[in-house]
Amino acid sequence: MTSPQQITVSTLIDAPLETVWTCWTEPEHIQQWNAASPDWHTPHATNDLRVGGTYLARMEA
């Protein structure tokens, strides 16, 4: 078994914090921006942001 690895991504977004948080965390918004390329889409997204919660965003071509 390999040991867990960590990836950190950092960026600056010129928008109000509340707007960014909403778009980053609400499934209906995740479906709008989560795509590998223009011919992909995300028909389903769910999450539970509590500690130990879950995150799922299914992409399809």
C-alpha atoms as a PDB file:
ATOM      1  CA  MET A   1       0.000   0.000   0.000  1.00  0.00           C
ATOM      2  CA  THR A   2       1.221   3.506  -0.722  1.00  0.00           C
ATOM      3  CA  SER A   3       1.122   6.264   1.831  1.00  0.00           C
ATOM      4  CA  PRO A   4      -1.469   9.048   1.424  1.00  0.00           C
ATOM      5  CA  GLN A   5      -0.364  12.067  -0.552  1.00  0.00           C
ATOM      6  CA  GLN A   6      -1.547  15.633  -0.301  1.00  0.00           C
ATOM      7  CA  ILE A   7      -2.156  18.141  -3.074  1.00  0.00           C
ATOM      8  CA  THR A   8      -2.670  21.835  -2.366  1.00  0.00           C
ATOM      9  CA  VAL A   9      -4.119  24.171  -4.991  1.00  0.00           C
ATOM     10  CA  SER A  10      -4.110  27.919  -4.408  1.00  0.00           C
ATOM     11  CA  THR A  11      -5.657  30.681  -6.502  1.00  0.00           C
ATOM     12  CA  LEU A  12      -6.991  34.220  -6.152  1.00  0.00           C
ATOM     13  CA  ILE A  13     -10.551  34.881  -7.306  1.00  0.00           C
ATOM     14  CA  ASP A  14     -11.804  38.417  -7.826  1.00  0.00           C
ATOM     15  CA  ALA A  15     -15.309  37.954  -6.385  1.00  0.00           C
ATOM     16  CA  PRO A  16     -17.045  38.310  -3.032  1.00  0.00           C
ATOM     17  CA  LEU A  17     -16.209  35.500  -0.595  1.00  0.00           C
ATOM     18  CA  GLU A  18     -19.883  34.518  -0.203  1.00  0.00           C
ATOM     19  CA  THR A  19     -20.269  34.086  -3.972  1.00  0.00           C
ATOM     20  CA  VAL A  20     -17.114  31.992  -4.266  1.00  0.00           C
ATOM     21  CA  TRP A  21     -18.108  29.778  -1.311  1.00  0.00           C
ATOM     22  CA  THR A  22     -21.591  29.225  -2.770  1.00  0.00           C
ATOM     23  CA  CYS A  23     -20.247  28.304  -6.210  1.00  0.00           C
ATOM     24  CA  TRP A  24     -17.556  26.032  -4.746  1.00  0.00           C
ATOM     25  CA  THR A  25     -19.803  24.161  -2.306  1.00  0.00           C
ATOM     26  CA  GLU A  26     -23.396  23.975  -3.594  1.00  0.00           C
ATOM     27  CA  PRO A  27     -24.047  20.979  -5.874  1.00  0.00           C
ATOM     28  CA  GLU A  28     -26.155  22.907  -8.402  1.00  0.00           C
ATOM     29  CA  HIS A  29     -23.240  25.310  -8.924  1.00  0.00           C
ATOM     30  CA  ILE A  30     -20.595  22.550  -8.975  1.00  0.00           C
ATOM     31  CA  GLN A  31     -22.524  21.030 -11.887  1.00  0.00           C
ATOM     32  CA  GLN A  32     -22.017  24.279 -13.828  1.00  0.00           C
ATOM     33  CA  TRP A  33     -18.219  24.547 -13.553  1.00  0.00           C
ATOM     34  CA  ASN A  34     -16.900  21.009 -12.916  1.00  0.00           C
ATOM     35  CA  ALA A  35     -15.858  19.705 -16.345  1.00  0.00           C
ATOM     36  CA  ALA A  36     -12.650  18.232 -17.734  1.00  0.00           C
ATOM     37  CA  SER A  37     -13.186  19.944 -21.103  1.00  0.00           C
ATOM     38  CA  PRO A  38     -16.005  21.670 -23.025  1.00  0.00           C
ATOM     39  CA  ASP A  39     -17.431  18.331 -24.232  1.00  0.00           C
ATOM     40  CA  TRP A  40     -17.812  17.013 -20.648  1.00  0.00           C
ATOM     41  CA  HIS A  41     -20.510  17.851 -18.106  1.00  0.00           C
ATOM     42  CA  THR A  42     -21.426  17.024 -14.505  1.00  0.00           C
ATOM     43  CA  PRO A  43     -24.974  15.643 -14.370  1.00  0.00           C
ATOM     44  CA  HIS A  44     -24.835  14.845 -10.651  1.00  0.00           C
ATOM     45  CA  ALA A  45     -23.111  16.373  -7.624  1.00  0.00           C
ATOM     46  CA  THR A  46     -23.682  15.907  -3.892  1.00  0.00           C
ATOM     47  CA  ASN A  47     -21.743  16.778  -0.781  1.00  0.00           C
ATOM     48  CA  ASP A  48     -21.852  16.833   2.986  1.00  0.00           C
ATOM     49  CA  LEU A  49     -19.408  19.469   4.204  1.00  0.00           C
ATOM     50  CA  ARG A  50     -19.324  18.256   7.793  1.00  0.00           C
ATOM     51  CA  VAL A  51     -16.117  16.670   9.129  1.00  0.00           C
ATOM     52  CA  GLY A  52     -16.135  13.091   7.842  1.00  0.00           C
ATOM     53  CA  GLY A  53     -18.722  14.021   5.198  1.00  0.00           C
ATOM     54  CA  THR A  54     -18.756  13.060   1.539  1.00  0.00           C
ATOM     55  CA  TYR A  55     -18.213  14.704  -1.853  1.00  0.00           C
ATOM     56  CA  LEU A  56     -19.294  13.359  -5.228  1.00  0.00           C
ATOM     57  CA  ALA A  57     -19.247  15.083  -8.607  1.00  0.00           C
ATOM     58  CA  ARG A  58     -19.788  12.679 -11.510  1.00  0.00           C
ATOM     59  CA  MET A  59     -18.485  13.862 -14.880  1.00  0.00           C
ATOM     60  CA  GLU A  60     -19.611  12.416 -18.210  1.00  0.00           C
ATOM     61  CA  ALA A  61     -18.547  12.985 -21.783  1.00  0.00           C
END
